[in-house]
């Protein structure tokens, strides 16, 4: 039994709302930018990836509050 608009595959509804998609997109862009800047600054790639991931995680929290 599938409910219409439940947000599940086959349920007919979207998996993400437009707000959630925008929050994740902005967080991913911020994380990628931070990772690239860290790599260009001469950091080792694991450090650059960690910087990007940390920025993306905090970006989700920040953008969730800003986009309301």
PDB file of N, CA and C in Angstrom:
ATOM      1  N   UNK A   1       0.829  -1.174   0.000  1.00  0.00           N
ATOM      2  CA  UNK A   1       0.000   0.000   0.000  1.00  0.00           C
ATOM      3  C   UNK A   1       0.874   1.238   0.000  1.00  0.00           C
ATOM      4  N   UNK A   2       0.785   2.058  -1.001  1.00  0.00           N
ATOM      5  CA  UNK A   2       1.561   3.289  -1.009  1.00  0.00           C
ATOM      6  C   UNK A   2       0.625   4.478  -0.864  1.00  0.00           C
ATOM      7  N   UNK A   3       1.075   5.413  -0.074  1.00  0.00           N
ATOM      8  CA  UNK A   3       0.301   6.633   0.127  1.00  0.00           C
ATOM      9  C   UNK A   3       0.760   7.677  -0.871  1.00  0.00           C
ATOM     10  N   UNK A   4      -0.172   8.370  -1.439  1.00  0.00           N
ATOM     11  CA  UNK A   4       0.168   9.409  -2.403  1.00  0.00           C
ATOM     12  C   UNK A   4       0.806  10.595  -1.685  1.00  0.00           C
ATOM     13  N   UNK A   5       1.942  11.050  -2.215  1.00  0.00           N
ATOM     14  CA  UNK A   5       2.602  12.208  -1.639  1.00  0.00           C
ATOM     15  C   UNK A   5       3.394  11.901  -0.384  1.00  0.00           C
ATOM     16  N   UNK A   6       3.747  10.649  -0.153  1.00  0.00           N
ATOM     17  CA  UNK A   6       4.456  10.291   1.066  1.00  0.00           C
ATOM     18  C   UNK A   6       5.942  10.593   0.996  1.00  0.00           C
ATOM     19  N   UNK A   7       6.460  10.922  -0.188  1.00  0.00           N
ATOM     20  CA  UNK A   7       7.874  11.206  -0.324  1.00  0.00           C
ATOM     21  C   UNK A   7       8.715   9.958  -0.521  1.00  0.00           C
ATOM     22  N   UNK A   8       8.082   8.865  -0.779  1.00  0.00           N
ATOM     23  CA  UNK A   8       8.791   7.608  -0.995  1.00  0.00           C
ATOM     24  C   UNK A   8       8.752   7.247  -2.468  1.00  0.00           C
ATOM     25  N   UNK A   9       9.730   6.469  -2.937  1.00  0.00           N
ATOM     26  CA  UNK A   9       9.685   6.035  -4.337  1.00  0.00           C
ATOM     27  C   UNK A   9       8.413   5.252  -4.605  1.00  0.00           C
ATOM     28  N   UNK A  10       7.738   5.604  -5.657  1.00  0.00           N
ATOM     29  CA  UNK A  10       6.480   4.963  -5.992  1.00  0.00           C
ATOM     30  C   UNK A  10       5.302   5.612  -5.299  1.00  0.00           C
ATOM     31  N   UNK A  11       5.561   6.529  -4.372  1.00  0.00           N
ATOM     32  CA  UNK A  11       4.494   7.191  -3.646  1.00  0.00           C
ATOM     33  C   UNK A  11       3.983   8.429  -4.347  1.00  0.00           C
ATOM     34  N   UNK A  12       4.682   8.895  -5.357  1.00  0.00           N
ATOM     35  CA  UNK A  12       4.232  10.028  -6.133  1.00  0.00           C
ATOM     36  C   UNK A  12       4.729  11.377  -5.640  1.00  0.00           C
ATOM     37  N   UNK A  13       5.225  11.456  -4.407  1.00  0.00           N
ATOM     38  CA  UNK A  13       5.692  12.728  -3.873  1.00  0.00           C
ATOM     39  C   UNK A  13       7.179  12.897  -4.067  1.00  0.00           C
ATOM     40  N   UNK A  14       7.670  14.106  -3.898  1.00  0.00           N
ATOM     41  CA  UNK A  14       9.104  14.344  -4.051  1.00  0.00           C
ATOM     42  C   UNK A  14       9.894  13.777  -2.871  1.00  0.00           C
ATOM     43  N   UNK A  15      11.119  13.401  -3.132  1.00  0.00           N
ATOM     44  CA  UNK A  15      11.982  12.902  -2.063  1.00  0.00           C
ATOM     45  C   UNK A  15      12.477  14.027  -1.175  1.00  0.00           C
ATOM     46  N   UNK A  16      12.695  15.196  -1.770  1.00  0.00           N
ATOM     47  CA  UNK A  16      13.143  16.377  -1.026  1.00  0.00           C
ATOM     48  C   UNK A  16      12.252  17.553  -1.386  1.00  0.00           C
ATOM     49  N   UNK A  17      12.037  18.404  -0.419  1.00  0.00           N
ATOM     50  CA  UNK A  17      11.340  19.640  -0.740  1.00  0.00           C
ATOM     51  C   UNK A  17      12.302  20.578  -1.440  1.00  0.00           C
ATOM     52  N   UNK A  18      11.774  21.622  -2.037  1.00  0.00           N
ATOM     53  CA  UNK A  18      12.640  22.592  -2.705  1.00  0.00           C
ATOM     54  C   UNK A  18      13.551  23.277  -1.700  1.00  0.00           C
ATOM     55  N   UNK A  19      13.049  23.529  -0.512  1.00  0.00           N
ATOM     56  CA  UNK A  19      13.859  24.170   0.533  1.00  0.00           C
ATOM     57  C   UNK A  19      15.032  23.275   0.921  1.00  0.00           C
ATOM     58  N   UNK A  20      14.768  21.985   1.121  1.00  0.00           N
ATOM     59  CA  UNK A  20      15.833  21.059   1.511  1.00  0.00           C
ATOM     60  C   UNK A  20      16.865  20.923   0.396  1.00  0.00           C
ATOM     61  N   UNK A  21      16.410  20.869  -0.840  1.00  0.00           N
ATOM     62  CA  UNK A  21      17.340  20.763  -1.965  1.00  0.00           C
ATOM     63  C   UNK A  21      18.226  21.996  -2.054  1.00  0.00           C
ATOM     64  N   UNK A  22      17.643  23.173  -1.827  1.00  0.00           N
ATOM     65  CA  UNK A  22      18.429  24.405  -1.874  1.00  0.00           C
ATOM     66  C   UNK A  22      19.438  24.458  -0.732  1.00  0.00           C
ATOM     67  N   UNK A  23      19.034  24.031   0.456  1.00  0.00           N
ATOM     68  CA  UNK A  23      19.952  24.011   1.606  1.00  0.00           C
ATOM     69  C   UNK A  23      21.127  23.085   1.324  1.00  0.00           C
ATOM     70  N   UNK A  24      20.846  21.886   0.823  1.00  0.00           N
ATOM     71  CA  UNK A  24      21.925  20.932   0.541  1.00  0.00           C
ATOM     72  C   UNK A  24      22.811  21.406  -0.603  1.00  0.00           C
ATOM     73  N   UNK A  25      22.222  22.050  -1.608  1.00  0.00           N
ATOM     74  CA  UNK A  25      23.021  22.566  -2.717  1.00  0.00           C
ATOM     75  C   UNK A  25      23.978  23.653  -2.246  1.00  0.00           C
ATOM     76  N   UNK A  26      23.474  24.602  -1.465  1.00  0.00           N
ATOM     77  CA  UNK A  26      24.332  25.673  -0.969  1.00  0.00           C
ATOM     78  C   UNK A  26      25.419  25.133  -0.044  1.00  0.00           C
ATOM     79  N   UNK A  27      25.072  24.165   0.791  1.00  0.00           N
ATOM     80  CA  UNK A  27      26.066  23.576   1.679  1.00  0.00           C
ATOM     81  C   UNK A  27      27.141  22.833   0.885  1.00  0.00           C
ATOM     82  N   UNK A  28      26.739  22.123  -0.166  1.00  0.00           N
ATOM     83  CA  UNK A  28      27.712  21.408  -0.992  1.00  0.00           C
ATOM     84  C   UNK A  28      28.646  22.379  -1.712  1.00  0.00           C
ATOM     85  N   UNK A  29      28.084  23.484  -2.199  1.00  0.00           N
ATOM     86  CA  UNK A  29      28.930  24.483  -2.872  1.00  0.00           C
ATOM     87  C   UNK A  29      29.908  25.136  -1.901  1.00  0.00           C
ATOM     88  N   UNK A  30      29.437  25.439  -0.701  1.00  0.00           N
ATOM     89  CA  UNK A  30      30.325  26.028   0.304  1.00  0.00           C
ATOM     90  C   UNK A  30      31.421  25.039   0.697  1.00  0.00           C
ATOM     91  N   UNK A  31      31.065  23.773   0.863  1.00  0.00           N
ATOM     92  CA  UNK A  31      32.051  22.755   1.214  1.00  0.00           C
ATOM     93  C   UNK A  31      33.077  22.538   0.117  1.00  0.00           C
ATOM     94  N   UNK A  32      32.611  22.518  -1.116  1.00  0.00           N
ATOM     95  CA  UNK A  32      33.543  22.352  -2.237  1.00  0.00           C
ATOM     96  C   UNK A  32      34.488  23.547  -2.335  1.00  0.00           C
ATOM     97  N   UNK A  33      33.949  24.732  -2.138  1.00  0.00           N
ATOM     98  CA  UNK A  33      34.790  25.930  -2.172  1.00  0.00           C
ATOM     99  C   UNK A  33      35.835  25.921  -1.075  1.00  0.00           C
ATOM    100  N   UNK A  34      35.431  25.538   0.125  1.00  0.00           N
ATOM    101  CA  UNK A  34      36.385  25.493   1.240  1.00  0.00           C
ATOM    102  C   UNK A  34      37.451  24.427   0.997  1.00  0.00           C
ATOM    103  N   UNK A  35      37.051  23.296   0.456  1.00  0.00           N
ATOM    104  CA  UNK A  35      38.022  22.242   0.163  1.00  0.00           C
ATOM    105  C   UNK A  35      39.023  22.655  -0.900  1.00  0.00           C
ATOM    106  N   UNK A  36      38.546  23.319  -1.938  1.00  0.00           N
ATOM    107  CA  UNK A  36      39.435  23.787  -3.004  1.00  0.00           C
ATOM    108  C   UNK A  36      40.391  24.846  -2.469  1.00  0.00           C
ATOM    109  N   UNK A  37      39.859  25.773  -1.678  1.00  0.00           N
ATOM    110  CA  UNK A  37      40.729  26.811  -1.125  1.00  0.00           C
ATOM    111  C   UNK A  37      41.777  26.220  -0.186  1.00  0.00           C
ATOM    112  N   UNK A  38      41.393  25.224   0.597  1.00  0.00           N
ATOM    113  CA  UNK A  38      42.363  24.583   1.486  1.00  0.00           C
ATOM    114  C   UNK A  38      43.431  23.855   0.683  1.00  0.00           C
ATOM    115  N   UNK A  39      43.024  23.212  -0.394  1.00  0.00           N
ATOM    116  CA  UNK A  39      43.999  22.501  -1.233  1.00  0.00           C
ATOM    117  C   UNK A  39      44.945  23.486  -1.915  1.00  0.00           C
ATOM    118  N   UNK A  40      44.403  24.598  -2.391  1.00  0.00           N
ATOM    119  CA  UNK A  40      45.249  25.607  -3.043  1.00  0.00           C
ATOM    120  C   UNK A  40      46.186  26.290  -2.057  1.00  0.00           C
ATOM    121  N   UNK A  41      45.825  26.286  -0.792  1.00  0.00           N
ATOM    122  CA  UNK A  41      46.685  26.897   0.228  1.00  0.00           C
ATOM    123  C   UNK A  41      47.845  25.989   0.607  1.00  0.00           C
ATOM    124  N   UNK A  42      47.854  24.786   0.074  1.00  0.00           N
ATOM    125  CA  UNK A  42      48.973  23.894   0.313  1.00  0.00           C
ATOM    126  C   UNK A  42      48.707  22.793   1.325  1.00  0.00           C
ATOM    127  N   UNK A  43      47.486  22.655   1.774  1.00  0.00           N
ATOM    128  CA  UNK A  43      47.164  21.582   2.714  1.00  0.00           C
ATOM    129  C   UNK A  43      47.174  20.240   2.002  1.00  0.00           C
ATOM    130  N   UNK A  44      47.444  19.198   2.767  1.00  0.00           N
ATOM    131  CA  UNK A  44      47.365  17.853   2.205  1.00  0.00           C
ATOM    132  C   UNK A  44      45.907  17.557   1.866  1.00  0.00           C
ATOM    133  N   UNK A  45      45.668  16.664   0.906  1.00  0.00           N
ATOM    134  CA  UNK A  45      44.301  16.440   0.460  1.00  0.00           C
ATOM    135  C   UNK A  45      43.385  15.904   1.554  1.00  0.00           C
ATOM    136  N   UNK A  46      43.846  15.070   2.508  1.00  0.00           N
ATOM    137  CA  UNK A  46      42.911  14.680   3.570  1.00  0.00           C
ATOM    138  C   UNK A  46      42.473  15.861   4.435  1.00  0.00           C
ATOM    139  N   UNK A  47      43.370  16.811   4.637  1.00  0.00           N
ATOM    140  CA  UNK A  47      43.020  18.001   5.409  1.00  0.00           C
ATOM    141  C   UNK A  47      42.027  18.861   4.627  1.00  0.00           C
ATOM    142  N   UNK A  48      42.245  18.984   3.316  1.00  0.00           N
ATOM    143  CA  UNK A  48      41.339  19.770   2.487  1.00  0.00           C
ATOM    144  C   UNK A  48      39.950  19.139   2.440  1.00  0.00           C
ATOM    145  N   UNK A  49      39.888  17.815   2.356  1.00  0.00           N
ATOM    146  CA  UNK A  49      38.591  17.125   2.347  1.00  0.00           C
ATOM    147  C   UNK A  49      37.900  17.307   3.691  1.00  0.00           C
ATOM    148  N   UNK A  50      38.644  17.226   4.762  1.00  0.00           N
ATOM    149  CA  UNK A  50      38.066  17.420   6.096  1.00  0.00           C
ATOM    150  C   UNK A  50      37.547  18.846   6.263  1.00  0.00           C
ATOM    151  N   UNK A  51      38.275  19.802   5.758  1.00  0.00           N
ATOM    152  CA  UNK A  51      37.823  21.194   5.837  1.00  0.00           C
ATOM    153  C   UNK A  51      36.542  21.389   5.030  1.00  0.00           C
ATOM    154  N   UNK A  52      36.487  20.789   3.864  1.00  0.00           N
ATOM    155  CA  UNK A  52      35.282  20.893   3.041  1.00  0.00           C
ATOM    156  C   UNK A  52      34.082  20.207   3.676  1.00  0.00           C
ATOM    157  N   UNK A  53      34.307  19.041   4.261  1.00  0.00           N
ATOM    158  CA  UNK A  53      33.205  18.315   4.905  1.00  0.00           C
ATOM    159  C   UNK A  53      32.699  19.061   6.136  1.00  0.00           C
ATOM    160  N   UNK A  54      33.607  19.621   6.899  1.00  0.00           N
ATOM    161  CA  UNK A  54      33.195  20.394   8.067  1.00  0.00           C
ATOM    162  C   UNK A  54      32.426  21.642   7.680  1.00  0.00           C
ATOM    163  N   UNK A  55      32.853  22.284   6.618  1.00  0.00           N
ATOM    164  CA  UNK A  55      32.145  23.468   6.138  1.00  0.00           C
ATOM    165  C   UNK A  55      30.768  23.106   5.611  1.00  0.00           C
ATOM    166  N   UNK A  56      30.668  21.985   4.903  1.00  0.00           N
ATOM    167  CA  UNK A  56      29.369  21.558   4.383  1.00  0.00           C
ATOM    168  C   UNK A  56      28.411  21.215   5.518  1.00  0.00           C
ATOM    169  N   UNK A  57      28.909  20.554   6.553  1.00  0.00           N
ATOM    170  CA  UNK A  57      28.057  20.189   7.686  1.00  0.00           C
ATOM    171  C   UNK A  57      27.558  21.422   8.422  1.00  0.00           C
ATOM    172  N   UNK A  58      28.441  22.359   8.659  1.00  0.00           N
ATOM    173  CA  UNK A  58      27.993  23.578   9.334  1.00  0.00           C
ATOM    174  C   UNK A  58      27.152  24.440   8.398  1.00  0.00           C
ATOM    175  N   UNK A  59      27.385  24.319   7.109  1.00  0.00           N
ATOM    176  CA  UNK A  59      26.565  25.048   6.139  1.00  0.00           C
ATOM    177  C   UNK A  59      25.126  24.581   6.132  1.00  0.00           C
ATOM    178  N   UNK A  60      24.914  23.273   6.292  1.00  0.00           N
ATOM    179  CA  UNK A  60      23.544  22.761   6.364  1.00  0.00           C
ATOM    180  C   UNK A  60      22.810  23.390   7.540  1.00  0.00           C
ATOM    181  N   UNK A  61      23.471  23.429   8.686  1.00  0.00           N
ATOM    182  CA  UNK A  61      22.840  24.016   9.871  1.00  0.00           C
ATOM    183  C   UNK A  61      22.581  25.507   9.687  1.00  0.00           C
ATOM    184  N   UNK A  62      23.529  26.206   9.110  1.00  0.00           N
ATOM    185  CA  UNK A  62      23.388  27.656   8.924  1.00  0.00           C
ATOM    186  C   UNK A  62      22.325  27.995   7.882  1.00  0.00           C
ATOM    187  N   UNK A  63      22.401  27.333   6.725  1.00  0.00           N
ATOM    188  CA  UNK A  63      21.451  27.639   5.663  1.00  0.00           C
ATOM    189  C   UNK A  63      20.038  27.219   6.030  1.00  0.00           C
ATOM    190  N   UNK A  64      19.906  26.193   6.844  1.00  0.00           N
ATOM    191  CA  UNK A  64      18.578  25.768   7.301  1.00  0.00           C
ATOM    192  C   UNK A  64      17.909  26.875   8.104  1.00  0.00           C
ATOM    193  N   UNK A  65      18.690  27.594   8.897  1.00  0.00           N
ATOM    194  CA  UNK A  65      18.142  28.680   9.690  1.00  0.00           C
ATOM    195  C   UNK A  65      17.893  29.935   8.846  1.00  0.00           C
ATOM    196  N   UNK A  66      18.764  30.187   7.885  1.00  0.00           N
ATOM    197  CA  UNK A  66      18.649  31.398   7.061  1.00  0.00           C
ATOM    198  C   UNK A  66      17.477  31.300   6.096  1.00  0.00           C
ATOM    199  N   UNK A  67      17.359  30.144   5.439  1.00  0.00           N
ATOM    200  CA  UNK A  67      16.295  29.964   4.438  1.00  0.00           C
ATOM    201  C   UNK A  67      15.071  29.447   5.172  1.00  0.00           C
ATOM    202  N   UNK A  68      14.139  30.308   5.367  1.00  0.00           N
ATOM    203  CA  UNK A  68      13.123  29.977   6.247  1.00  0.00           C
ATOM    204  C   UNK A  68      11.781  29.702   5.969  1.00  0.00           C
TER     205      UNK A  68
END
